PDB file of N, CA and C in Angstrom:
ATOM      1  N   UNK A   1       0.934  -1.361  -0.075  1.00  0.00           N
ATOM      2  CA  UNK A   1      -0.120  -0.290  -0.326  1.00  0.00           C
ATOM      3  C   UNK A   1       0.880   1.169  -0.031  1.00  0.00           C
ATOM      4  N   UNK A   2      -0.148   2.280  -0.167  1.00  0.00           N
ATOM      5  CA  UNK A   2       0.720   3.787  -0.316  1.00  0.00           C
ATOM      6  C   UNK A   2       1.753   3.831   1.023  1.00  0.00           C
ATOM      7  N   UNK A   3       0.666   3.481   1.737  1.00  0.00           N
ATOM      8  CA  UNK A   3       1.265   3.661   3.462  1.00  0.00           C
ATOM      9  C   UNK A   3       2.716   2.953   3.843  1.00  0.00           C
ATOM     10  N   UNK A   4       2.780   1.804   3.457  1.00  0.00           N
ATOM     11  CA  UNK A   4       4.460   1.158   3.627  1.00  0.00           C
ATOM     12  C   UNK A   4       5.176   1.665   3.106  1.00  0.00           C
ATOM     13  N   UNK A   5       4.460   2.222   1.287  1.00  0.00           N
ATOM     14  CA  UNK A   5       5.644   2.999   0.743  1.00  0.00           C
ATOM     15  C   UNK A   5       6.649   3.815   1.472  1.00  0.00           C
ATOM     16  N   UNK A   6       5.373   4.951   1.674  1.00  0.00           N
ATOM     17  CA  UNK A   6       5.789   6.114   2.423  1.00  0.00           C
ATOM     18  C   UNK A   6       6.623   6.425   3.871  1.00  0.00           C
ATOM     19  N   UNK A   7       6.219   4.705   4.399  1.00  0.00           N
ATOM     20  CA  UNK A   7       6.939   4.873   6.024  1.00  0.00           C
ATOM     21  C   UNK A   7       8.830   4.405   5.414  1.00  0.00           C
ATOM     22  N   UNK A   8       8.665   3.784   4.243  1.00  0.00           N
ATOM     23  CA  UNK A   8       9.808   3.235   3.803  1.00  0.00           C
ATOM     24  C   UNK A   8      10.643   4.492   2.863  1.00  0.00           C
ATOM     25  N   UNK A   9      10.084   5.264   2.930  1.00  0.00           N
ATOM     26  CA  UNK A   9      10.918   6.401   1.843  1.00  0.00           C
ATOM     27  C   UNK A   9      12.016   6.824   2.133  1.00  0.00           C
ATOM     28  N   UNK A  10      13.110   6.959   0.909  1.00  0.00           N
ATOM     29  CA  UNK A  10      14.419   7.104   1.482  1.00  0.00           C
ATOM     30  C   UNK A  10      14.589   8.412   2.537  1.00  0.00           C
ATOM     31  N   UNK A  11      13.978   9.545   2.553  1.00  0.00           N
ATOM     32  CA  UNK A  11      14.280  10.329   3.921  1.00  0.00           C
ATOM     33  C   UNK A  11      14.452   9.525   5.026  1.00  0.00           C
ATOM     34  N   UNK A  12      13.242   8.627   5.305  1.00  0.00           N
ATOM     35  CA  UNK A  12      13.005   7.453   6.539  1.00  0.00           C
ATOM     36  C   UNK A  12      14.140   6.999   6.532  1.00  0.00           C
ATOM     37  N   UNK A  13      14.344   6.053   5.547  1.00  0.00           N
ATOM     38  CA  UNK A  13      15.210   4.752   6.082  1.00  0.00           C
ATOM     39  C   UNK A  13      16.429   6.124   5.896  1.00  0.00           C
ATOM     40  N   UNK A  14      17.129   6.630   5.111  1.00  0.00           N
ATOM     41  CA  UNK A  14      18.413   7.396   5.629  1.00  0.00           C
ATOM     42  C   UNK A  14      18.193   8.310   6.648  1.00  0.00           C
ATOM     43  N   UNK A  15      17.408   8.545   7.697  1.00  0.00           N
ATOM     44  CA  UNK A  15      17.338   8.808   8.968  1.00  0.00           C
ATOM     45  C   UNK A  15      17.679   7.716  10.049  1.00  0.00           C
ATOM     46  N   UNK A  16      16.754   6.657   9.587  1.00  0.00           N
ATOM     47  CA  UNK A  16      17.266   5.571  10.974  1.00  0.00           C
ATOM     48  C   UNK A  16      18.782   5.414  10.385  1.00  0.00           C
ATOM     49  N   UNK A  17      19.493   5.469   9.107  1.00  0.00           N
ATOM     50  CA  UNK A  17      20.841   4.750   8.925  1.00  0.00           C
ATOM     51  C   UNK A  17      21.814   6.024   9.829  1.00  0.00           C
ATOM     52  N   UNK A  18      21.464   7.128   9.543  1.00  0.00           N
ATOM     53  CA  UNK A  18      21.823   8.192  10.282  1.00  0.00           C
ATOM     54  C   UNK A  18      21.819   8.026  11.976  1.00  0.00           C
ATOM     55  N   UNK A  19      20.661   7.426  12.405  1.00  0.00           N
ATOM     56  CA  UNK A  19      20.615   7.492  13.744  1.00  0.00           C
ATOM     57  C   UNK A  19      21.531   6.440  14.073  1.00  0.00           C
ATOM     58  N   UNK A  20      21.613   5.371  13.672  1.00  0.00           N
ATOM     59  CA  UNK A  20      22.516   4.337  13.952  1.00  0.00           C
ATOM     60  C   UNK A  20      23.866   4.638  13.849  1.00  0.00           C
ATOM     61  N   UNK A  21      24.368   5.043  13.025  1.00  0.00           N
ATOM     62  CA  UNK A  21      25.990   5.465  12.988  1.00  0.00           C
ATOM     63  C   UNK A  21      26.360   6.605  13.864  1.00  0.00           C
ATOM     64  N   UNK A  22      25.296   7.657  14.115  1.00  0.00           N
ATOM     65  CA  UNK A  22      25.859   8.802  14.796  1.00  0.00           C
ATOM     66  C   UNK A  22      26.907   8.534  16.258  1.00  0.00           C
ATOM     67  N   UNK A  23      26.460   7.884  16.869  1.00  0.00           N
ATOM     68  CA  UNK A  23      27.011   7.471  18.214  1.00  0.00           C
ATOM     69  C   UNK A  23      28.688   7.085  17.447  1.00  0.00           C
ATOM     70  N   UNK A  24      28.954   6.254  16.457  1.00  0.00           N
ATOM     71  CA  UNK A  24      30.256   6.010  15.999  1.00  0.00           C
ATOM     72  C   UNK A  24      31.148   6.766  15.509  1.00  0.00           C
ATOM     73  N   UNK A  25      30.231   7.623  14.134  1.00  0.00           N
ATOM     74  CA  UNK A  25      30.815   8.516  13.647  1.00  0.00           C
ATOM     75  C   UNK A  25      29.905   9.420  13.009  1.00  0.00           C
ATOM     76  N   UNK A  26      30.740  10.787  12.399  1.00  0.00           N
ATOM     77  CA  UNK A  26      29.354  11.647  11.985  1.00  0.00           C
ATOM     78  C   UNK A  26      29.634  10.900  10.155  1.00  0.00           C
ATOM     79  N   UNK A  27      28.037  10.216   9.525  1.00  0.00           N
ATOM     80  CA  UNK A  27      28.065   9.552   8.889  1.00  0.00           C
ATOM     81  C   UNK A  27      28.110  10.686   7.720  1.00  0.00           C
ATOM     82  N   UNK A  28      28.356  10.049   6.628  1.00  0.00           N
ATOM     83  CA  UNK A  28      28.650  10.947   4.676  1.00  0.00           C
ATOM     84  C   UNK A  28      27.370  10.516   4.366  1.00  0.00           C
ATOM     85  N   UNK A  29      27.235  11.074   3.313  1.00  0.00           N
ATOM     86  CA  UNK A  29      26.492  10.517   2.747  1.00  0.00           C
ATOM     87  C   UNK A  29      27.010   9.191   2.174  1.00  0.00           C
ATOM     88  N   UNK A  30      28.225   9.382   1.644  1.00  0.00           N
ATOM     89  CA  UNK A  30      28.425   8.021   0.882  1.00  0.00           C
ATOM     90  C   UNK A  30      28.421   6.928   1.775  1.00  0.00           C
ATOM     91  N   UNK A  31      28.304   6.915   3.322  1.00  0.00           N
ATOM     92  CA  UNK A  31      28.247   5.915   4.163  1.00  0.00           C
ATOM     93  C   UNK A  31      27.138   5.680   3.992  1.00  0.00           C
ATOM     94  N   UNK A  32      26.023   6.097   3.895  1.00  0.00           N
ATOM     95  CA  UNK A  32      24.635   6.181   3.444  1.00  0.00           C
ATOM     96  C   UNK A  32      24.591   5.320   2.240  1.00  0.00           C
ATOM     97  N   UNK A  33      24.906   6.266   1.131  1.00  0.00           N
ATOM     98  CA  UNK A  33      24.739   5.440   0.165  1.00  0.00           C
ATOM     99  C   UNK A  33      25.215   3.832   0.342  1.00  0.00           C
ATOM    100  N   UNK A  34      26.470   3.929   0.599  1.00  0.00           N
ATOM    101  CA  UNK A  34      27.068   2.498   0.578  1.00  0.00           C
ATOM    102  C   UNK A  34      25.706   1.140   1.166  1.00  0.00           C
ATOM    103  N   UNK A  35      25.343   1.782   2.225  1.00  0.00           N
ATOM    104  CA  UNK A  35      24.212   0.833   3.152  1.00  0.00           C
ATOM    105  C   UNK A  35      23.196   0.525   1.840  1.00  0.00           C
ATOM    106  N   UNK A  36      22.413   1.677   0.992  1.00  0.00           N
ATOM    107  CA  UNK A  36      21.343   1.064   0.049  1.00  0.00           C
ATOM    108  C   UNK A  36      22.029   0.605  -1.097  1.00  0.00           C
ATOM    109  N   UNK A  37      23.104   0.556  -1.354  1.00  0.00           N
ATOM    110  CA  UNK A  37      23.914  -0.394  -2.209  1.00  0.00           C
ATOM    111  C   UNK A  37      23.707   0.504  -3.970  1.00  0.00           C
ATOM    112  N   UNK A  38      23.325   2.239  -3.602  1.00  0.00           N
ATOM    113  CA  UNK A  38      23.637   3.272  -4.566  1.00  0.00           C
ATOM    114  C   UNK A  38      24.701   3.982  -4.480  1.00  0.00           C
ATOM    115  N   UNK A  39      24.517   4.409  -5.548  1.00  0.00           N
ATOM    116  CA  UNK A  39      25.811   5.728  -5.450  1.00  0.00           C
ATOM    117  C   UNK A  39      25.570   6.767  -4.660  1.00  0.00           C
ATOM    118  N   UNK A  40      26.248   7.902  -4.552  1.00  0.00           N
ATOM    119  CA  UNK A  40      26.004   9.300  -3.634  1.00  0.00           C
ATOM    120  C   UNK A  40      24.683   9.977  -4.909  1.00  0.00           C
ATOM    121  N   UNK A  41      24.932  10.110  -5.916  1.00  0.00           N
ATOM    122  CA  UNK A  41      24.310  10.707  -6.624  1.00  0.00           C
ATOM    123  C   UNK A  41      23.038  10.561  -6.948  1.00  0.00           C
ATOM    124  N   UNK A  42      22.520   9.244  -7.034  1.00  0.00           N
ATOM    125  CA  UNK A  42      21.454   8.571  -6.798  1.00  0.00           C
ATOM    126  C   UNK A  42      20.472   8.891  -5.662  1.00  0.00           C
ATOM    127  N   UNK A  43      21.523   8.232  -4.762  1.00  0.00           N
ATOM    128  CA  UNK A  43      21.044   8.789  -2.906  1.00  0.00           C
ATOM    129  C   UNK A  43      20.534  10.428  -3.008  1.00  0.00           C
ATOM    130  N   UNK A  44      21.293  11.505  -3.618  1.00  0.00           N
ATOM    131  CA  UNK A  44      21.160  12.783  -3.369  1.00  0.00           C
ATOM    132  C   UNK A  44      19.850  12.775  -4.198  1.00  0.00           C
ATOM    133  N   UNK A  45      19.451  11.969  -5.548  1.00  0.00           N
ATOM    134  CA  UNK A  45      18.493  12.542  -6.475  1.00  0.00           C
ATOM    135  C   UNK A  45      16.969  12.314  -5.811  1.00  0.00           C
ATOM    136  N   UNK A  46      17.089  11.212  -5.352  1.00  0.00           N
ATOM    137  CA  UNK A  46      16.209  10.717  -4.499  1.00  0.00           C
ATOM    138  C   UNK A  46      15.607  11.530  -3.164  1.00  0.00           C
ATOM    139  N   UNK A  47      16.892  11.639  -2.447  1.00  0.00           N
ATOM    140  CA  UNK A  47      16.149  12.349  -1.592  1.00  0.00           C
ATOM    141  C   UNK A  47      15.978  14.097  -1.932  1.00  0.00           C
ATOM    142  N   UNK A  48      16.460  14.765  -2.919  1.00  0.00           N
ATOM    143  CA  UNK A  48      16.198  15.726  -3.876  1.00  0.00           C
ATOM    144  C   UNK A  48      14.647  15.514  -4.487  1.00  0.00           C
ATOM    145  N   UNK A  49      13.871  14.597  -4.460  1.00  0.00           N
ATOM    146  CA  UNK A  49      12.697  14.343  -4.889  1.00  0.00           C
ATOM    147  C   UNK A  49      11.754  14.340  -3.741  1.00  0.00           C
ATOM    148  N   UNK A  50      12.316  13.969  -2.838  1.00  0.00           N
ATOM    149  CA  UNK A  50      11.473  14.405  -1.436  1.00  0.00           C
ATOM    150  C   UNK A  50      11.611  15.420  -0.884  1.00  0.00           C
ATOM    151  N   UNK A  51      12.355  16.643  -1.459  1.00  0.00           N
ATOM    152  CA  UNK A  51      12.561  17.763  -1.187  1.00  0.00           C
ATOM    153  C   UNK A  51      13.221  17.645   0.261  1.00  0.00           C
ATOM    154  N   UNK A  52      14.335  17.035   0.035  1.00  0.00           N
ATOM    155  CA  UNK A  52      15.319  17.518   1.546  1.00  0.00           C
ATOM    156  C   UNK A  52      16.588  16.902   0.899  1.00  0.00           C
ATOM    157  N   UNK A  53      17.725  17.079   1.529  1.00  0.00           N
ATOM    158  CA  UNK A  53      19.143  16.969   1.579  1.00  0.00           C
ATOM    159  C   UNK A  53      19.770  15.802   2.459  1.00  0.00           C
ATOM    160  N   UNK A  54      20.935  15.211   2.137  1.00  0.00           N
ATOM    161  CA  UNK A  54      21.498  14.487   3.388  1.00  0.00           C
ATOM    162  C   UNK A  54      21.818  15.140   4.696  1.00  0.00           C
ATOM    163  N   UNK A  55      22.008  16.745   4.715  1.00  0.00           N
ATOM    164  CA  UNK A  55      22.879  17.360   5.131  1.00  0.00           C
ATOM    165  C   UNK A  55      21.492  17.831   6.042  1.00  0.00           C
ATOM    166  N   UNK A  56      20.887  18.022   5.403  1.00  0.00           N
ATOM    167  CA  UNK A  56      19.483  18.250   6.280  1.00  0.00           C
ATOM    168  C   UNK A  56      18.848  17.488   7.329  1.00  0.00           C
ATOM    169  N   UNK A  57      18.958  16.216   6.744  1.00  0.00           N
ATOM    170  CA  UNK A  57      18.560  14.698   7.609  1.00  0.00           C
ATOM    171  C   UNK A  57      19.631  14.710   8.798  1.00  0.00           C
ATOM    172  N   UNK A  58      20.369  15.193   8.236  1.00  0.00           N
ATOM    173  CA  UNK A  58      21.418  14.795   9.296  1.00  0.00           C
ATOM    174  C   UNK A  58      21.328  15.800  10.364  1.00  0.00           C
ATOM    175  N   UNK A  59      21.329  17.219   9.976  1.00  0.00           N
ATOM    176  CA  UNK A  59      20.727  17.843  11.166  1.00  0.00           C
ATOM    177  C   UNK A  59      19.573  17.882  11.943  1.00  0.00           C
ATOM    178  N   UNK A  60      18.545  17.219  11.135  1.00  0.00           N
ATOM    179  CA  UNK A  60      17.320  16.954  11.566  1.00  0.00           C
ATOM    180  C   UNK A  60      17.750  16.006  12.688  1.00  0.00           C
ATOM    181  N   UNK A  61      18.173  14.961  12.313  1.00  0.00           N
ATOM    182  CA  UNK A  61      18.615  13.476  13.539  1.00  0.00           C
ATOM    183  C   UNK A  61      18.955  14.279  14.721  1.00  0.00           C
ATOM    184  N   UNK A  62      20.114  15.150  14.217  1.00  0.00           N
ATOM    185  CA  UNK A  62      21.099  15.492  15.261  1.00  0.00           C
ATOM    186  C   UNK A  62      20.058  16.339  16.186  1.00  0.00           C
ATOM    187  N   UNK A  63      19.225  17.484  16.089  1.00  0.00           N
ATOM    188  CA  UNK A  63      18.286  18.097  16.982  1.00  0.00           C
ATOM    189  C   UNK A  63      17.652  17.642  17.815  1.00  0.00           C
ATOM    190  N   UNK A  64      17.083  16.133  17.173  1.00  0.00           N
ATOM    191  CA  UNK A  64      15.955  15.445  17.231  1.00  0.00           C
ATOM    192  C   UNK A  64      16.831  14.694  18.816  1.00  0.00           C
ATOM    193  N   UNK A  65      17.675  14.265  18.539  1.00  0.00           N
ATOM    194  CA  UNK A  65      18.364  13.653  19.555  1.00  0.00           C
ATOM    195  C   UNK A  65      19.088  14.055  20.521  1.00  0.00           C
ATOM    196  N   UNK A  66      19.268  15.203  20.110  1.00  0.00           N
ATOM    197  CA  UNK A  66      20.096  16.557  21.183  1.00  0.00           C
ATOM    198  C   UNK A  66      19.093  16.574  22.035  1.00  0.00           C
ATOM    199  N   UNK A  67      17.728  17.205  21.723  1.00  0.00           N
ATOM    200  CA  UNK A  67      16.787  17.576  22.379  1.00  0.00           C
ATOM    201  C   UNK A  67      16.496  16.442  23.358  1.00  0.00           C
ATOM    202  N   UNK A  68      16.271  14.939  22.498  1.00  0.00           N
ATOM    203  CA  UNK A  68      16.025  13.718  23.346  1.00  0.00           C
ATOM    204  C   UNK A  68      17.033  13.748  24.691  1.00  0.00           C
ATOM    205  N   UNK A  69      18.474  13.610  24.108  1.00  0.00           N
ATOM    206  CA  UNK A  69      19.257  13.495  25.420  1.00  0.00           C
ATOM    207  C   UNK A  69      19.215  14.398  26.853  1.00  0.00           C
ATOM    208  N   UNK A  70      19.073  15.652  26.317  1.00  0.00           N
ATOM    209  CA  UNK A  70      18.817  16.950  27.111  1.00  0.00           C
ATOM    210  C   UNK A  70      17.644  16.581  27.945  1.00  0.00           C
ATOM    211  N   UNK A  71      16.733  16.449  27.402  1.00  0.00           N
ATOM    212  CA  UNK A  71      15.665  16.207  28.097  1.00  0.00           C
ATOM    213  C   UNK A  71      15.319  14.738  29.042  1.00  0.00           C
ATOM    214  N   UNK A  72      15.576  14.005  28.070  1.00  0.00           N
ATOM    215  CA  UNK A  72      15.277  12.676  28.871  1.00  0.00           C
ATOM    216  C   UNK A  72      15.975  11.797  29.546  1.00  0.00           C
ATOM    217  N   UNK A  73      17.572  12.260  29.359  1.00  0.00           N
ATOM    218  CA  UNK A  73      18.709  11.638  30.341  1.00  0.00           C
ATOM    219  C   UNK A  73      19.246  12.587  30.603  1.00  0.00           C
ATOM    220  N   UNK A  74      20.337  11.587  32.019  1.00  0.00           N
ATOM    221  CA  UNK A  74      21.376  12.642  32.474  1.00  0.00           C
ATOM    222  C   UNK A  74      22.384  12.569  32.090  1.00  0.00           C
ATOM    223  N   UNK A  75      22.736  12.266  30.626  1.00  0.00           N
ATOM    224  CA  UNK A  75      24.341  12.197  29.994  1.00  0.00           C
ATOM    225  C   UNK A  75      24.593  13.922  29.787  1.00  0.00           C
ATOM    226  N   UNK A  76      25.825  13.782  30.134  1.00  0.00           N
ATOM    227  CA  UNK A  76      26.691  14.892  30.296  1.00  0.00           C
ATOM    228  C   UNK A  76      26.381  15.737  28.928  1.00  0.00           C
ATOM    229  N   UNK A  77      26.860  16.918  29.179  1.00  0.00           N
ATOM    230  CA  UNK A  77      26.859  17.452  27.622  1.00  0.00           C
ATOM    231  C   UNK A  77      27.930  17.224  26.980  1.00  0.00           C
ATOM    232  N   UNK A  78      28.581  16.849  27.364  1.00  0.00           N
ATOM    233  CA  UNK A  78      30.570  15.933  26.775  1.00  0.00           C
ATOM    234  C   UNK A  78      29.570  14.935  26.035  1.00  0.00           C
ATOM    235  N   UNK A  79      28.968  13.795  27.296  1.00  0.00           N
ATOM    236  CA  UNK A  79      28.707  12.875  26.384  1.00  0.00           C
ATOM    237  C   UNK A  79      27.429  12.661  25.255  1.00  0.00           C
ATOM    238  N   UNK A  80      26.464  13.813  25.191  1.00  0.00           N
ATOM    239  CA  UNK A  80      25.697  14.220  24.120  1.00  0.00           C
ATOM    240  C   UNK A  80      26.593  14.380  23.124  1.00  0.00           C
ATOM    241  N   UNK A  81      27.778  15.460  23.435  1.00  0.00           N
ATOM    242  CA  UNK A  81      28.517  16.072  21.933  1.00  0.00           C
ATOM    243  C   UNK A  81      28.898  14.505  21.380  1.00  0.00           C
ATOM    244  N   UNK A  82      29.608  13.582  22.099  1.00  0.00           N
ATOM    245  CA  UNK A  82      30.250  12.211  21.317  1.00  0.00           C
ATOM    246  C   UNK A  82      29.074  11.834  20.649  1.00  0.00           C
ATOM    247  N   UNK A  83      27.878  11.180  21.130  1.00  0.00           N
ATOM    248  CA  UNK A  83      26.998  10.517  20.855  1.00  0.00           C
ATOM    249  C   UNK A  83      26.540  10.859  19.748  1.00  0.00           C
ATOM    250  N   UNK A  84      26.499  12.570  19.588  1.00  0.00           N
ATOM    251  CA  UNK A  84      26.488  13.067  18.377  1.00  0.00           C
ATOM    252  C   UNK A  84      27.483  13.312  17.173  1.00  0.00           C
ATOM    253  N   UNK A  85      28.427  12.717  17.836  1.00  0.00           N
ATOM    254  CA  UNK A  85      29.699  12.828  16.831  1.00  0.00           C
ATOM    255  C   UNK A  85      30.015  14.265  16.177  1.00  0.00           C
ATOM    256  N   UNK A  86      29.681  15.176  17.427  1.00  0.00           N
ATOM    257  CA  UNK A  86      30.340  16.658  17.346  1.00  0.00           C
ATOM    258  C   UNK A  86      31.915  16.476  17.746  1.00  0.00           C
ATOM    259  N   UNK A  87      33.008  17.275  17.400  1.00  0.00           N
ATOM    260  CA  UNK A  87      34.322  17.222  17.591  1.00  0.00           C
ATOM    261  C   UNK A  87      34.644  17.692  18.807  1.00  0.00           C
ATOM    262  N   UNK A  88      33.967  18.385  19.425  1.00  0.00           N
ATOM    263  CA  UNK A  88      33.880  18.891  20.652  1.00  0.00           C
ATOM    264  C   UNK A  88      32.958  19.648  21.363  1.00  0.00           C
ATOM    265  N   UNK A  89      32.820  19.903  22.297  1.00  0.00           N
ATOM    266  CA  UNK A  89      31.642  20.498  22.884  1.00  0.00           C
ATOM    267  C   UNK A  89      31.411  21.711  22.476  1.00  0.00           C
ATOM    268  N   UNK A  90      32.325  22.598  22.350  1.00  0.00           N
ATOM    269  CA  UNK A  90      32.215  24.327  21.695  1.00  0.00           C
ATOM    270  C   UNK A  90      31.247  24.118  20.550  1.00  0.00           C
ATOM    271  N   UNK A  91      31.734  23.191  19.518  1.00  0.00           N
ATOM    272  CA  UNK A  91      30.976  22.724  18.303  1.00  0.00           C
ATOM    273  C   UNK A  91      29.867  22.477  18.451  1.00  0.00           C
ATOM    274  N   UNK A  92      29.539  21.493  19.703  1.00  0.00           N
ATOM    275  CA  UNK A  92      28.255  21.148  19.633  1.00  0.00           C
ATOM    276  C   UNK A  92      26.942  22.325  20.313  1.00  0.00           C
ATOM    277  N   UNK A  93      28.142  22.940  21.318  1.00  0.00           N
ATOM    278  CA  UNK A  93      26.897  24.218  21.828  1.00  0.00           C
ATOM    279  C   UNK A  93      26.652  25.185  20.945  1.00  0.00           C
ATOM    280  N   UNK A  94      27.447  25.521  19.945  1.00  0.00           N
ATOM    281  CA  UNK A  94      27.218  26.511  18.379  1.00  0.00           C
ATOM    282  C   UNK A  94      26.167  25.839  17.651  1.00  0.00           C
ATOM    283  N   UNK A  95      26.180  24.675  17.574  1.00  0.00           N
ATOM    284  CA  UNK A  95      25.518  24.354  16.516  1.00  0.00           C
ATOM    285  C   UNK A  95      23.479  23.922  17.236  1.00  0.00           C
ATOM    286  N   UNK A  96      24.120  23.763  18.545  1.00  0.00           N
ATOM    287  CA  UNK A  96      22.496  23.660  19.376  1.00  0.00           C
ATOM    288  C   UNK A  96      21.902  25.320  19.561  1.00  0.00           C
ATOM    289  N   UNK A  97      22.689  26.329  19.619  1.00  0.00           N
ATOM    290  CA  UNK A  97      22.648  27.619  20.107  1.00  0.00           C
ATOM    291  C   UNK A  97      22.078  28.120  18.647  1.00  0.00           C
ATOM    292  N   UNK A  98      22.535  27.641  16.866  1.00  0.00           N
ATOM    293  CA  UNK A  98      21.762  28.256  16.036  1.00  0.00           C
ATOM    294  C   UNK A  98      20.521  27.367  15.928  1.00  0.00           C
ATOM    295  N   UNK A  99      20.540  26.197  16.317  1.00  0.00           N
ATOM    296  CA  UNK A  99      19.281  25.635  16.006  1.00  0.00           C
ATOM    297  C   UNK A  99      17.565  26.058  16.614  1.00  0.00           C
ATOM    298  N   UNK A 100      18.147  26.284  17.891  1.00  0.00           N
ATOM    299  CA  UNK A 100      17.427  26.181  18.867  1.00  0.00           C
ATOM    300  C   UNK A 100      17.303  27.564  19.813  1.00  0.00           C
ATOM    301  N   UNK A 101      18.507  28.813  19.562  1.00  0.00           N
ATOM    302  CA  UNK A 101      18.246  29.856  19.886  1.00  0.00           C
ATOM    303  C   UNK A 101      18.729  29.982  21.507  1.00  0.00           C
ATOM    304  N   UNK A 102      19.207  28.799  21.690  1.00  0.00           N
ATOM    305  CA  UNK A 102      19.591  28.802  23.649  1.00  0.00           C
ATOM    306  C   UNK A 102      20.431  27.729  23.465  1.00  0.00           C
ATOM    307  N   UNK A 103      21.595  27.923  24.681  1.00  0.00           N
ATOM    308  CA  UNK A 103      22.405  26.832  24.775  1.00  0.00           C
ATOM    309  C   UNK A 103      21.885  25.477  25.197  1.00  0.00           C
ATOM    310  N   UNK A 104      22.554  24.458  25.288  1.00  0.00           N
ATOM    311  CA  UNK A 104      22.263  22.907  25.301  1.00  0.00           C
ATOM    312  C   UNK A 104      22.304  22.887  27.177  1.00  0.00           C
ATOM    313  N   UNK A 105      22.619  23.922  27.754  1.00  0.00           N
ATOM    314  CA  UNK A 105      22.247  23.521  29.137  1.00  0.00           C
ATOM    315  C   UNK A 105      21.214  24.576  29.765  1.00  0.00           C
ATOM    316  N   UNK A 106      21.101  25.410  28.945  1.00  0.00           N
ATOM    317  CA  UNK A 106      19.437  26.287  29.327  1.00  0.00           C
ATOM    318  C   UNK A 106      18.246  25.697  28.543  1.00  0.00           C
ATOM    319  N   UNK A 107      18.330  25.002  27.731  1.00  0.00           N
ATOM    320  CA  UNK A 107      17.623  24.040  27.265  1.00  0.00           C
ATOM    321  C   UNK A 107      16.986  23.417  28.352  1.00  0.00           C
ATOM    322  N   UNK A 108      18.210  22.047  28.471  1.00  0.00           N
ATOM    323  CA  UNK A 108      17.939  21.115  29.974  1.00  0.00           C
ATOM    324  C   UNK A 108      17.231  21.430  30.821  1.00  0.00           C
ATOM    325  N   UNK A 109      17.677  22.661  31.227  1.00  0.00           N
ATOM    326  CA  UNK A 109      16.742  23.349  32.485  1.00  0.00           C
ATOM    327  C   UNK A 109      15.459  23.685  32.139  1.00  0.00           C
ATOM    328  N   UNK A 110      15.316  24.506  31.462  1.00  0.00           N
ATOM    329  CA  UNK A 110      13.645  24.889  30.687  1.00  0.00           C
ATOM    330  C   UNK A 110      13.124  23.621  30.552  1.00  0.00           C
ATOM    331  N   UNK A 111      13.368  22.425  29.950  1.00  0.00           N
ATOM    332  CA  UNK A 111      12.727  21.487  29.626  1.00  0.00           C
ATOM    333  C   UNK A 111      12.630  20.027  30.665  1.00  0.00           C
ATOM    334  N   UNK A 112      13.386  20.743  31.683  1.00  0.00           N
ATOM    335  CA  UNK A 112      13.155  19.434  32.658  1.00  0.00           C
ATOM    336  C   UNK A 112      12.819  19.418  34.059  1.00  0.00           C
TER     337      UNK A 112
END
């Protein structure tokens, strides 16, 4: 059915793979394309057809997980940084500030 197809859209599947890989390294589009046995251009094109890009999906997944870790776990900001494969805490903090207009620690205080 249409619903099953939608559930396994390229973007959904890409998000799942990003989620799996993130805790060990920042996945590249090449990493994900390899998992699907397609080349990068094919994956890019499929995502574009679904009106998104690999970078957008990577950021979306990182934001979702950052918010989850900050509000639903007691992980330190440092642990969260590495779970999301940021190189260091200041990179993560700057990115989070850009996404949500608030520092990770302030976000945690507000939402827990």
